[in-house]
Amino acid sequence: ALTNLTRTAIDNYVRFANEWAQQFYGIMSQGQQFVSRQM
């Protein structure tokens, strides 16, 4: 049970980090596109 708890918690944090990174890169990409359009 503790092994499963630990593994699941690690999986949750890895998924969170991936989703956060995708959102961050998406926002950065939109920012670059916005700046390019403005230029």
Full PDB file with SEQRES, HELIX, SHEET, SSBOND, CRYST1, ORIGX, SCALE, CONECT and MASTER records, all heavy atoms in Angstrom:
SEQRES   1 A   39  ALA LEU THR ASN LEU THR ARG THR ALA ILE ASP ASN TYR          
SEQRES   2 A   39  VAL ARG PHE ALA ASN GLU TRP ALA GLN GLN PHE TYR GLY          
SEQRES   3 A   39  ILE MET SER GLN GLY GLN GLN PHE VAL SER ARG GLN MET          
HELIX    1 AA1 LEU A    2  GLN A   38  1                                  37    
CRYST1    1.000    1.000    1.000  90.00  90.00  90.00 P 1           1          
ORIGX1      1.000000  0.000000  0.000000        0.00000                         
ORIGX2      0.000000  1.000000  0.000000        0.00000                         
ORIGX3      0.000000  0.000000  1.000000        0.00000                         
SCALE1      1.000000  0.000000  0.000000        0.00000                         
SCALE2      0.000000  1.000000  0.000000        0.00000                         
SCALE3      0.000000  0.000000  1.000000        0.00000                         
ATOM      1  N   ALA A   1       0.836  -1.206   0.000  1.00  0.00           N  
ATOM      2  CA  ALA A   1       0.000   0.000   0.000  1.00  0.00           C  
ATOM      3  C   ALA A   1       0.872   1.258   0.000  1.00  0.00           C  
ATOM      4  O   ALA A   1       0.594   2.211  -0.739  1.00  0.00           O  
ATOM      5  CB  ALA A   1      -0.932   0.003   1.208  1.00  0.00           C  
ATOM      6  N   LEU A   2       1.930   1.264   0.812  1.00  0.00           N  
ATOM      7  CA  LEU A   2       2.821   2.434   0.840  1.00  0.00           C  
ATOM      8  C   LEU A   2       3.574   2.558  -0.480  1.00  0.00           C  
ATOM      9  O   LEU A   2       3.757   3.669  -0.994  1.00  0.00           O  
ATOM     10  CB  LEU A   2       3.801   2.360   2.012  1.00  0.00           C  
ATOM     11  CG  LEU A   2       4.743   3.550   2.132  1.00  0.00           C  
ATOM     12  CD1 LEU A   2       3.951   4.834   2.409  1.00  0.00           C  
ATOM     13  CD2 LEU A   2       5.773   3.329   3.208  1.00  0.00           C  
ATOM     14  N   THR A   3       3.976   1.429  -1.042  1.00  0.00           N  
ATOM     15  CA  THR A   3       4.651   1.453  -2.338  1.00  0.00           C  
ATOM     16  C   THR A   3       3.733   2.053  -3.398  1.00  0.00           C  
ATOM     17  O   THR A   3       4.152   2.907  -4.184  1.00  0.00           O  
ATOM     18  CB  THR A   3       5.083   0.028  -2.740  1.00  0.00           C  
ATOM     19  OG1 THR A   3       5.935  -0.499  -1.724  1.00  0.00           O  
ATOM     20  CG2 THR A   3       5.807   0.023  -4.065  1.00  0.00           C  
ATOM     21  N   ASN A   4       2.476   1.613  -3.418  1.00  0.00           N  
ATOM     22  CA  ASN A   4       1.509   2.157  -4.383  1.00  0.00           C  
ATOM     23  C   ASN A   4       1.258   3.643  -4.140  1.00  0.00           C  
ATOM     24  O   ASN A   4       1.155   4.419  -5.094  1.00  0.00           O  
ATOM     25  CB  ASN A   4       0.197   1.382  -4.317  1.00  0.00           C  
ATOM     26  CG  ASN A   4       0.318  -0.010  -4.889  1.00  0.00           C  
ATOM     27  OD1 ASN A   4       1.173  -0.263  -5.727  1.00  0.00           O  
ATOM     28  ND2 ASN A   4      -0.526  -0.917  -4.434  1.00  0.00           N  
ATOM     29  N   LEU A   5       1.137   4.016  -2.878  1.00  0.00           N  
ATOM     30  CA  LEU A   5       0.936   5.429  -2.548  1.00  0.00           C  
ATOM     31  C   LEU A   5       2.094   6.273  -3.068  1.00  0.00           C  
ATOM     32  O   LEU A   5       1.887   7.314  -3.714  1.00  0.00           O  
ATOM     33  CB  LEU A   5       0.791   5.615  -1.030  1.00  0.00           C  
ATOM     34  CG  LEU A   5       0.744   7.062  -0.545  1.00  0.00           C  
ATOM     35  CD1 LEU A   5      -0.594   7.696  -0.921  1.00  0.00           C  
ATOM     36  CD2 LEU A   5       0.966   7.126   0.953  1.00  0.00           C  
ATOM     37  N   THR A   6       3.305   5.839  -2.815  1.00  0.00           N  
ATOM     38  CA  THR A   6       4.493   6.585  -3.244  1.00  0.00           C  
ATOM     39  C   THR A   6       4.567   6.659  -4.758  1.00  0.00           C  
ATOM     40  O   THR A   6       4.802   7.727  -5.335  1.00  0.00           O  
ATOM     41  CB  THR A   6       5.763   5.921  -2.676  1.00  0.00           C  
ATOM     42  OG1 THR A   6       5.639   5.824  -1.250  1.00  0.00           O  
ATOM     43  CG2 THR A   6       6.996   6.715  -3.028  1.00  0.00           C  
ATOM     44  N   ARG A   7       4.366   5.519  -5.433  1.00  0.00           N  
ATOM     45  CA  ARG A   7       4.437   5.491  -6.901  1.00  0.00           C  
ATOM     46  C   ARG A   7       3.363   6.391  -7.509  1.00  0.00           C  
ATOM     47  O   ARG A   7       3.628   7.163  -8.436  1.00  0.00           O  
ATOM     48  CB  ARG A   7       4.297   4.057  -7.417  1.00  0.00           C  
ATOM     49  CG  ARG A   7       4.477   3.964  -8.934  1.00  0.00           C  
ATOM     50  CD  ARG A   7       4.368   2.552  -9.483  1.00  0.00           C  
ATOM     51  NE  ARG A   7       3.087   1.941  -9.170  1.00  0.00           N  
ATOM     52  CZ  ARG A   7       2.927   0.856  -8.403  1.00  0.00           C  
ATOM     53  NH1 ARG A   7       3.963   0.243  -7.897  1.00  0.00           N  
ATOM     54  NH2 ARG A   7       1.723   0.368  -8.165  1.00  0.00           N  
ATOM     55  N   THR A   8       2.156   6.330  -6.974  1.00  0.00           N  
ATOM     56  CA  THR A   8       1.064   7.154  -7.498  1.00  0.00           C  
ATOM     57  C   THR A   8       1.341   8.639  -7.274  1.00  0.00           C  
ATOM     58  O   THR A   8       1.089   9.458  -8.161  1.00  0.00           O  
ATOM     59  CB  THR A   8      -0.268   6.748  -6.839  1.00  0.00           C  
ATOM     60  OG1 THR A   8      -0.482   5.353  -7.069  1.00  0.00           O  
ATOM     61  CG2 THR A   8      -1.423   7.529  -7.410  1.00  0.00           C  
ATOM     62  N   ALA A   9       1.866   8.973  -6.103  1.00  0.00           N  
ATOM     63  CA  ALA A   9       2.192  10.377  -5.826  1.00  0.00           C  
ATOM     64  C   ALA A   9       3.259  10.874  -6.797  1.00  0.00           C  
ATOM     65  O   ALA A   9       3.155  11.989  -7.334  1.00  0.00           O  
ATOM     66  CB  ALA A   9       2.660  10.542  -4.382  1.00  0.00           C  
ATOM     67  N   ILE A  10       4.268  10.053  -7.050  1.00  0.00           N  
ATOM     68  CA  ILE A  10       5.320  10.446  -8.002  1.00  0.00           C  
ATOM     69  C   ILE A  10       4.731  10.601  -9.398  1.00  0.00           C  
ATOM     70  O   ILE A  10       5.028  11.576 -10.103  1.00  0.00           O  
ATOM     71  CB  ILE A  10       6.474   9.421  -7.983  1.00  0.00           C  
ATOM     72  CG1 ILE A  10       7.224   9.522  -6.659  1.00  0.00           C  
ATOM     73  CG2 ILE A  10       7.418   9.639  -9.157  1.00  0.00           C  
ATOM     74  CD1 ILE A  10       8.233   8.415  -6.428  1.00  0.00           C  
ATOM     75  N   ASP A  11       3.873   9.664  -9.798  1.00  0.00           N  
ATOM     76  CA  ASP A  11       3.214   9.773 -11.112  1.00  0.00           C  
ATOM     77  C   ASP A  11       2.396  11.059 -11.215  1.00  0.00           C  
ATOM     78  O   ASP A  11       2.413  11.736 -12.247  1.00  0.00           O  
ATOM     79  CB  ASP A  11       2.293   8.576 -11.366  1.00  0.00           C  
ATOM     80  CG  ASP A  11       3.048   7.283 -11.624  1.00  0.00           C  
ATOM     81  OD1 ASP A  11       4.271   7.354 -11.881  1.00  0.00           O  
ATOM     82  OD2 ASP A  11       2.415   6.203 -11.552  1.00  0.00           O  
ATOM     83  N   ASN A  12       1.688  11.398 -10.151  1.00  0.00           N  
ATOM     84  CA  ASN A  12       0.895  12.635 -10.150  1.00  0.00           C  
ATOM     85  C   ASN A  12       1.777  13.861 -10.342  1.00  0.00           C  
ATOM     86  O   ASN A  12       1.443  14.769 -11.109  1.00  0.00           O  
ATOM     87  CB  ASN A  12       0.094  12.763  -8.852  1.00  0.00           C  
ATOM     88  CG  ASN A  12      -1.045  11.762  -8.767  1.00  0.00           C  
ATOM     89  OD1 ASN A  12      -1.448  11.182  -9.755  1.00  0.00           O  
ATOM     90  ND2 ASN A  12      -1.539  11.550  -7.559  1.00  0.00           N  
ATOM     91  N   TYR A  13       2.901  13.900  -9.648  1.00  0.00           N  
ATOM     92  CA  TYR A  13       3.797  15.059  -9.780  1.00  0.00           C  
ATOM     93  C   TYR A  13       4.462  15.116 -11.149  1.00  0.00           C  
ATOM     94  O   TYR A  13       4.657  16.200 -11.705  1.00  0.00           O  
ATOM     95  CB  TYR A  13       4.849  15.071  -8.665  1.00  0.00           C  
ATOM     96  CG  TYR A  13       4.285  15.611  -7.372  1.00  0.00           C  
ATOM     97  CD1 TYR A  13       3.905  14.763  -6.352  1.00  0.00           C  
ATOM     98  CD2 TYR A  13       4.110  16.985  -7.193  1.00  0.00           C  
ATOM     99  CE1 TYR A  13       3.375  15.264  -5.177  1.00  0.00           C  
ATOM    100  CE2 TYR A  13       3.577  17.493  -6.025  1.00  0.00           C  
ATOM    101  CZ  TYR A  13       3.217  16.617  -5.011  1.00  0.00           C  
ATOM    102  OH  TYR A  13       2.686  17.109  -3.851  1.00  0.00           O  
ATOM    103  N   VAL A  14       4.795  13.949 -11.708  1.00  0.00           N  
ATOM    104  CA  VAL A  14       5.374  13.933 -13.060  1.00  0.00           C  
ATOM    105  C   VAL A  14       4.345  14.438 -14.070  1.00  0.00           C  
ATOM    106  O   VAL A  14       4.653  15.257 -14.944  1.00  0.00           O  
ATOM    107  CB  VAL A  14       5.875  12.509 -13.418  1.00  0.00           C  
ATOM    108  CG1 VAL A  14       6.174  12.377 -14.901  1.00  0.00           C  
ATOM    109  CG2 VAL A  14       7.101  12.159 -12.584  1.00  0.00           C  
ATOM    110  N   ARG A  15       3.099  13.972 -13.952  1.00  0.00           N  
ATOM    111  CA  ARG A  15       2.037  14.425 -14.848  1.00  0.00           C  
ATOM    112  C   ARG A  15       1.825  15.944 -14.695  1.00  0.00           C  
ATOM    113  O   ARG A  15       1.689  16.656 -15.675  1.00  0.00           O  
ATOM    114  CB  ARG A  15       0.733  13.662 -14.573  1.00  0.00           C  
ATOM    115  CG  ARG A  15      -0.359  13.943 -15.572  1.00  0.00           C  
ATOM    116  CD  ARG A  15      -1.600  13.057 -15.442  1.00  0.00           C  
ATOM    117  NE  ARG A  15      -2.022  12.722 -14.105  1.00  0.00           N  
ATOM    118  CZ  ARG A  15      -1.795  11.528 -13.493  1.00  0.00           C  
ATOM    119  NH1 ARG A  15      -1.166  10.581 -14.127  1.00  0.00           N  
ATOM    120  NH2 ARG A  15      -2.204  11.316 -12.265  1.00  0.00           N  
ATOM    121  N   PHE A  16       1.817  16.399 -13.457  1.00  0.00           N  
ATOM    122  CA  PHE A  16       1.675  17.843 -13.214  1.00  0.00           C  
ATOM    123  C   PHE A  16       2.799  18.623 -13.889  1.00  0.00           C  
ATOM    124  O   PHE A  16       2.547  19.625 -14.557  1.00  0.00           O  
ATOM    125  CB  PHE A  16       1.678  18.127 -11.704  1.00  0.00           C  
ATOM    126  CG  PHE A  16       1.937  19.559 -11.378  1.00  0.00           C  
ATOM    127  CD1 PHE A  16       0.932  20.510 -11.483  1.00  0.00           C  
ATOM    128  CD2 PHE A  16       3.199  19.982 -10.979  1.00  0.00           C  
ATOM    129  CE1 PHE A  16       1.172  21.841 -11.187  1.00  0.00           C  
ATOM    130  CE2 PHE A  16       3.447  21.306 -10.685  1.00  0.00           C  
ATOM    131  CZ  PHE A  16       2.430  22.238 -10.787  1.00  0.00           C  
ATOM    132  N   ALA A  17       4.038  18.165 -13.710  1.00  0.00           N  
ATOM    133  CA  ALA A  17       5.177  18.873 -14.299  1.00  0.00           C  
ATOM    134  C   ALA A  17       5.076  18.908 -15.819  1.00  0.00           C  
ATOM    135  O   ALA A  17       5.360  19.937 -16.450  1.00  0.00           O  
ATOM    136  CB  ALA A  17       6.491  18.211 -13.862  1.00  0.00           C  
ATOM    137  N   ASN A  18       4.657  17.793 -16.431  1.00  0.00           N  
ATOM    138  CA  ASN A  18       4.503  17.754 -17.890  1.00  0.00           C  
ATOM    139  C   ASN A  18       3.408  18.711 -18.362  1.00  0.00           C  
ATOM    140  O   ASN A  18       3.591  19.456 -19.329  1.00  0.00           O  
ATOM    141  CB  ASN A  18       4.192  16.330 -18.360  1.00  0.00           C  
ATOM    142  CG  ASN A  18       5.401  15.432 -18.312  1.00  0.00           C  
ATOM    143  OD1 ASN A  18       6.538  15.897 -18.393  1.00  0.00           O  
ATOM    144  ND2 ASN A  18       5.179  14.147 -18.163  1.00  0.00           N  
ATOM    145  N   GLU A  19       2.263  18.675 -17.679  1.00  0.00           N  
ATOM    146  CA  GLU A  19       1.163  19.565 -18.067  1.00  0.00           C  
ATOM    147  C   GLU A  19       1.565  21.033 -17.894  1.00  0.00           C  
ATOM    148  O   GLU A  19       1.274  21.863 -18.739  1.00  0.00           O  
ATOM    149  CB  GLU A  19      -0.090  19.258 -17.226  1.00  0.00           C  
ATOM    150  CG  GLU A  19      -0.738  17.946 -17.578  1.00  0.00           C  
ATOM    151  CD  GLU A  19      -1.882  17.589 -16.633  1.00  0.00           C  
ATOM    152  OE1 GLU A  19      -2.183  18.378 -15.709  1.00  0.00           O  
ATOM    153  OE2 GLU A  19      -2.471  16.509 -16.813  1.00  0.00           O  
ATOM    154  N   TRP A  20       2.244  21.311 -16.791  1.00  0.00           N  
ATOM    155  CA  TRP A  20       2.672  22.695 -16.538  1.00  0.00           C  
ATOM    156  C   TRP A  20       3.641  23.149 -17.627  1.00  0.00           C  
ATOM    157  O   TRP A  20       3.526  24.261 -18.145  1.00  0.00           O  
ATOM    158  CB  TRP A  20       3.321  22.807 -15.165  1.00  0.00           C  
ATOM    159  CG  TRP A  20       3.676  24.206 -14.806  1.00  0.00           C  
ATOM    160  CD1 TRP A  20       2.879  25.139 -14.235  1.00  0.00           C  
ATOM    161  CD2 TRP A  20       4.938  24.851 -15.039  1.00  0.00           C  
ATOM    162  NE1 TRP A  20       3.552  26.319 -14.078  1.00  0.00           N  
ATOM    163  CE2 TRP A  20       4.825  26.179 -14.566  1.00  0.00           C  
ATOM    164  CE3 TRP A  20       6.147  24.433 -15.585  1.00  0.00           C  
ATOM    165  CZ2 TRP A  20       5.880  27.080 -14.629  1.00  0.00           C  
ATOM    166  CZ3 TRP A  20       7.188  25.337 -15.640  1.00  0.00           C  
ATOM    167  CH2 TRP A  20       7.042  26.639 -15.169  1.00  0.00           C  
ATOM    168  N   ALA A  21       4.594  22.285 -17.977  1.00  0.00           N  
ATOM    169  CA  ALA A  21       5.577  22.636 -19.009  1.00  0.00           C  
ATOM    170  C   ALA A  21       4.880  22.868 -20.351  1.00  0.00           C  
ATOM    171  O   ALA A  21       5.210  23.822 -21.069  1.00  0.00           O  
ATOM    172  CB  ALA A  21       6.636  21.533 -19.139  1.00  0.00           C  
ATOM    173  N   GLN A  22       3.904  22.010 -20.700  1.00  0.00           N  
ATOM    174  CA  GLN A  22       3.179  22.200 -21.957  1.00  0.00           C  
ATOM    175  C   GLN A  22       2.432  23.529 -21.957  1.00  0.00           C  
ATOM    176  O   GLN A  22       2.443  24.251 -22.957  1.00  0.00           O  
ATOM    177  CB  GLN A  22       2.204  21.046 -22.183  1.00  0.00           C  
ATOM    178  CG  GLN A  22       2.877  19.743 -22.547  1.00  0.00           C  
ATOM    179  CD  GLN A  22       1.897  18.588 -22.616  1.00  0.00           C  
ATOM    180  OE1 GLN A  22       0.715  18.730 -22.310  1.00  0.00           O  
ATOM    181  NE2 GLN A  22       2.385  17.419 -23.010  1.00  0.00           N  
ATOM    182  N   GLN A  23       1.779  23.840 -20.857  1.00  0.00           N  
ATOM    183  CA  GLN A  23       1.057  25.114 -20.760  1.00  0.00           C  
ATOM    184  C   GLN A  23       2.030  26.283 -20.877  1.00  0.00           C  
ATOM    185  O   GLN A  23       1.771  27.261 -21.577  1.00  0.00           O  
ATOM    186  CB  GLN A  23       0.287  25.204 -19.433  1.00  0.00           C  
ATOM    187  CG  GLN A  23      -0.876  24.254 -19.333  1.00  0.00           C  
ATOM    188  CD  GLN A  23      -1.963  24.594 -20.333  1.00  0.00           C  
ATOM    189  OE1 GLN A  23      -2.230  25.744 -20.641  1.00  0.00           O  
ATOM    190  NE2 GLN A  23      -2.603  23.562 -20.863  1.00  0.00           N  
ATOM    191  N   PHE A  24       3.149  26.183 -20.194  1.00  0.00           N  
ATOM    192  CA  PHE A  24       4.141  27.255 -20.212  1.00  0.00           C  
ATOM    193  C   PHE A  24       4.676  27.469 -21.628  1.00  0.00           C  
ATOM    194  O   PHE A  24       4.736  28.601 -22.111  1.00  0.00           O  
ATOM    195  CB  PHE A  24       5.296  26.923 -19.253  1.00  0.00           C  
ATOM    196  CG  PHE A  24       6.382  27.949 -19.237  1.00  0.00           C  
ATOM    197  CD1 PHE A  24       6.211  29.138 -18.561  1.00  0.00           C  
ATOM    198  CD2 PHE A  24       7.574  27.723 -19.903  1.00  0.00           C  
ATOM    199  CE1 PHE A  24       7.212  30.097 -18.543  1.00  0.00           C  
ATOM    200  CE2 PHE A  24       8.579  28.667 -19.896  1.00  0.00           C  
ATOM    201  CZ  PHE A  24       8.395  29.856 -19.213  1.00  0.00           C  
ATOM    202  N   TYR A  25       5.039  26.365 -22.289  1.00  0.00           N  
ATOM    203  CA  TYR A  25       5.555  26.492 -23.656  1.00  0.00           C  
ATOM    204  C   TYR A  25       4.478  27.013 -24.601  1.00  0.00           C  
ATOM    205  O   TYR A  25       4.759  27.768 -25.531  1.00  0.00           O  
ATOM    206  CB  TYR A  25       6.126  25.166 -24.157  1.00  0.00           C  
ATOM    207  CG  TYR A  25       7.406  24.777 -23.450  1.00  0.00           C  
ATOM    208  CD1 TYR A  25       7.591  23.495 -22.958  1.00  0.00           C  
ATOM    209  CD2 TYR A  25       8.419  25.706 -23.239  1.00  0.00           C  
ATOM    210  CE1 TYR A  25       8.754  23.138 -22.284  1.00  0.00           C  
ATOM    211  CE2 TYR A  25       9.575  25.354 -22.574  1.00  0.00           C  
ATOM    212  CZ  TYR A  25       9.741  24.077 -22.097  1.00  0.00           C  
ATOM    213  OH  TYR A  25      10.885  23.747 -21.443  1.00  0.00           O  
ATOM    214  N   GLY A  26       3.232  26.592 -24.387  1.00  0.00           N  
ATOM    215  CA  GLY A  26       2.130  27.107 -25.202  1.00  0.00           C  
ATOM    216  C   GLY A  26       1.966  28.604 -25.033  1.00  0.00           C  
ATOM    217  O   GLY A  26       1.783  29.347 -26.000  1.00  0.00           O  
ATOM    218  N   ILE A  27       2.036  29.053 -23.795  1.00  0.00           N  
ATOM    219  CA  ILE A  27       1.918  30.497 -23.531  1.00  0.00           C  
ATOM    220  C   ILE A  27       3.084  31.244 -24.156  1.00  0.00           C  
ATOM    221  O   ILE A  27       2.903  32.296 -24.766  1.00  0.00           O  
ATOM    222  CB  ILE A  27       1.844  30.749 -22.004  1.00  0.00           C  
ATOM    223  CG1 ILE A  27       0.508  30.260 -21.467  1.00  0.00           C  
ATOM    224  CG2 ILE A  27       2.061  32.218 -21.673  1.00  0.00           C  
ATOM    225  CD1 ILE A  27       0.425  30.213 -19.953  1.00  0.00           C  
ATOM    226  N   MET A  28       4.287  30.687 -24.026  1.00  0.00           N  
ATOM    227  CA  MET A  28       5.457  31.336 -24.617  1.00  0.00           C  
ATOM    228  C   MET A  28       5.328  31.392 -26.140  1.00  0.00           C  
ATOM    229  O   MET A  28       5.657  32.395 -26.762  1.00  0.00           O  
ATOM    230  CB  MET A  28       6.743  30.592 -24.216  1.00  0.00           C  
ATOM    231  CG  MET A  28       7.072  30.704 -22.742  1.00  0.00           C  
ATOM    232  SD  MET A  28       7.284  32.409 -22.201  1.00  0.00           S  
ATOM    233  CE  MET A  28       8.774  32.817 -23.061  1.00  0.00           C  
ATOM    234  N   SER A  29       4.832  30.301 -26.729  1.00  0.00           N  
ATOM    235  CA  SER A  29       4.647  30.258 -28.177  1.00  0.00           C  
ATOM    236  C   SER A  29       3.632  31.311 -28.615  1.00  0.00           C  
ATOM    237  O   SER A  29       3.843  32.027 -29.602  1.00  0.00           O  
ATOM    238  CB  SER A  29       4.185  28.867 -28.596  1.00  0.00           C  
ATOM    239  OG  SER A  29       3.898  28.838 -29.971  1.00  0.00           O  
ATOM    240  N   GLN A  30       2.523  31.418 -27.881  1.00  0.00           N  
ATOM    241  CA  GLN A  30       1.523  32.433 -28.207  1.00  0.00           C  
ATOM    242  C   GLN A  30       2.107  33.829 -28.061  1.00  0.00           C  
ATOM    243  O   GLN A  30       1.819  34.712 -28.859  1.00  0.00           O  
ATOM    244  CB  GLN A  30       0.298  32.295 -27.290  1.00  0.00           C  
ATOM    245  CG  GLN A  30      -0.557  31.112 -27.625  1.00  0.00           C  
ATOM    246  CD  GLN A  30      -1.720  30.973 -26.643  1.00  0.00           C  
ATOM    247  OE1 GLN A  30      -1.781  31.647 -25.626  1.00  0.00           O  
ATOM    248  NE2 GLN A  30      -2.641  30.077 -26.960  1.00  0.00           N  
ATOM    249  N   GLY A  31       2.952  33.999 -27.056  1.00  0.00           N  
ATOM    250  CA  GLY A  31       3.599  35.299 -26.863  1.00  0.00           C  
ATOM    251  C   GLY A  31       4.499  35.642 -28.035  1.00  0.00           C  
ATOM    252  O   GLY A  31       4.503  36.778 -28.519  1.00  0.00           O  
ATOM    253  N   GLN A  32       5.254  34.659 -28.515  1.00  0.00           N  
ATOM    254  CA  GLN A  32       6.123  34.895 -29.667  1.00  0.00           C  
ATOM    255  C   GLN A  32       5.296  35.214 -30.902  1.00  0.00           C  
ATOM    256  O   GLN A  32       5.636  36.106 -31.677  1.00  0.00           O  
ATOM    257  CB  GLN A  32       7.015  33.681 -29.918  1.00  0.00           C  
ATOM    258  CG  GLN A  32       8.123  33.524 -28.905  1.00  0.00           C  
ATOM    259  CD  GLN A  32       8.937  32.259 -29.150  1.00  0.00           C  
ATOM    260  OE1 GLN A  32       8.443  31.282 -29.712  1.00  0.00           O  
ATOM    261  NE2 GLN A  32      10.184  32.282 -28.714  1.00  0.00           N  
ATOM    262  N   GLN A  33       4.208  34.462 -31.096  1.00  0.00           N  
ATOM    263  CA  GLN A  33       3.349  34.732 -32.247  1.00  0.00           C  
ATOM    264  C   GLN A  33       2.743  36.127 -32.141  1.00  0.00           C  
ATOM    265  O   GLN A  33       2.672  36.851 -33.137  1.00  0.00           O  
ATOM    266  CB  GLN A  33       2.229  33.683 -32.329  1.00  0.00           C  
ATOM    267  CG  GLN A  33       2.713  32.296 -32.682  1.00  0.00           C  
ATOM    268  CD  GLN A  33       1.616  31.252 -32.540  1.00  0.00           C  
ATOM    269  OE1 GLN A  33       0.501  31.562 -32.150  1.00  0.00           O  
ATOM    270  NE2 GLN A  33       1.952  30.003 -32.828  1.00  0.00           N  
ATOM    271  N   PHE A  34       2.344  36.514 -30.964  1.00  0.00           N  
ATOM    272  CA  PHE A  34       1.769  37.848 -30.755  1.00  0.00           C  
ATOM    273  C   PHE A  34       2.795  38.921 -31.090  1.00  0.00           C  
ATOM    274  O   PHE A  34       2.489  39.879 -31.807  1.00  0.00           O  
ATOM    275  CB  PHE A  34       1.300  37.990 -29.298  1.00  0.00           C  
ATOM    276  CG  PHE A  34       0.811  39.366 -28.971  1.00  0.00           C  
ATOM    277  CD1 PHE A  34      -0.435  39.797 -29.397  1.00  0.00           C  
ATOM    278  CD2 PHE A  34       1.603  40.230 -28.236  1.00  0.00           C  
ATOM    279  CE1 PHE A  34      -0.890  41.069 -29.091  1.00  0.00           C  
ATOM    280  CE2 PHE A  34       1.163  41.502 -27.926  1.00  0.00           C  
ATOM    281  CZ  PHE A  34      -0.087  41.929 -28.353  1.00  0.00           C  
ATOM    282  N   VAL A  35       4.019  38.747 -30.576  1.00  0.00           N  
ATOM    283  CA  VAL A  35       5.070  39.733 -30.854  1.00  0.00           C  
ATOM    284  C   VAL A  35       5.371  39.782 -32.346  1.00  0.00           C  
ATOM    285  O   VAL A  35       5.535  40.867 -32.923  1.00  0.00           O  
ATOM    286  CB  VAL A  35       6.349  39.423 -30.031  1.00  0.00           C  
ATOM    287  CG1 VAL A  35       7.523  40.258 -30.488  1.00  0.00           C  
ATOM    288  CG2 VAL A  35       6.082  39.634 -28.543  1.00  0.00           C  
ATOM    289  N   SER A  36       5.419  38.615 -32.995  1.00  0.00           N  
ATOM    290  CA  SER A  36       5.682  38.584 -34.440  1.00  0.00           C  
ATOM    291  C   SER A  36       4.579  39.325 -35.200  1.00  0.00           C  
ATOM    292  O   SER A  36       4.862  40.116 -36.107  1.00  0.00           O  
ATOM    293  CB  SER A  36       5.760  37.141 -34.939  1.00  0.00           C  
ATOM    294  OG  SER A  36       6.870  36.489 -34.395  1.00  0.00           O  
ATOM    295  N   ARG A  37       3.307  39.072 -34.830  1.00  0.00           N  
ATOM    296  CA  ARG A  37       2.201  39.772 -35.491  1.00  0.00           C  
ATOM    297  C   ARG A  37       2.294  41.272 -35.255  1.00  0.00           C  
ATOM    298  O   ARG A  37       2.077  42.071 -36.166  1.00  0.00           O  
ATOM    299  CB  ARG A  37       0.852  39.244 -34.986  1.00  0.00           C  
ATOM    300  CG  ARG A  37       0.432  37.926 -35.597  1.00  0.00           C  
ATOM    301  CD  ARG A  37      -1.037  37.619 -35.327  1.00  0.00           C  
ATOM    302  NE  ARG A  37      -1.425  37.728 -33.936  1.00  0.00           N  
ATOM    303  CZ  ARG A  37      -1.395  36.742 -33.041  1.00  0.00           C  
ATOM    304  NH1 ARG A  37      -0.994  35.547 -33.426  1.00  0.00           N  
ATOM    305  NH2 ARG A  37      -1.766  36.938 -31.802  1.00  0.00           N  
ATOM    306  N   GLN A  38       2.623  41.665 -34.042  1.00  0.00           N  
ATOM    307  CA  GLN A  38       2.742  43.092 -33.744  1.00  0.00           C  
ATOM    308  C   GLN A  38       3.866  43.726 -34.554  1.00  0.00           C  
ATOM    309  O   GLN A  38       3.726  44.851 -35.049  1.00  0.00           O  
ATOM    310  CB  GLN A  38       2.997  43.303 -32.232  1.00  0.00           C  
ATOM    311  CG  GLN A  38       1.838  42.911 -31.346  1.00  0.00           C  
ATOM    312  CD  GLN A  38       0.608  43.758 -31.623  1.00  0.00           C  
ATOM    313  OE1 GLN A  38       0.698  44.942 -31.875  1.00  0.00           O  
ATOM    314  NE2 GLN A  38      -0.557  43.123 -31.579  1.00  0.00           N  
ATOM    315  N   MET A  39       4.969  43.001 -34.701  1.00  0.00           N  
ATOM    316  CA  MET A  39       6.084  43.523 -35.502  1.00  0.00           C  
ATOM    317  C   MET A  39       5.672  43.670 -36.969  1.00  0.00           C  
ATOM    318  O   MET A  39       5.985  44.668 -37.612  1.00  0.00           O  
ATOM    319  CB  MET A  39       7.306  42.595 -35.384  1.00  0.00           C  
ATOM    320  CG  MET A  39       7.941  42.581 -34.013  1.00  0.00           C  
ATOM    321  SD  MET A  39       8.666  44.156 -33.558  1.00  0.00           S  
ATOM    322  CE  MET A  39      10.052  44.194 -34.642  1.00  0.00           C  
TER     323      MET A  39                                                      
MASTER        0    0    0    1    0    0    0    6  322    1    0    3          
END                                                                             
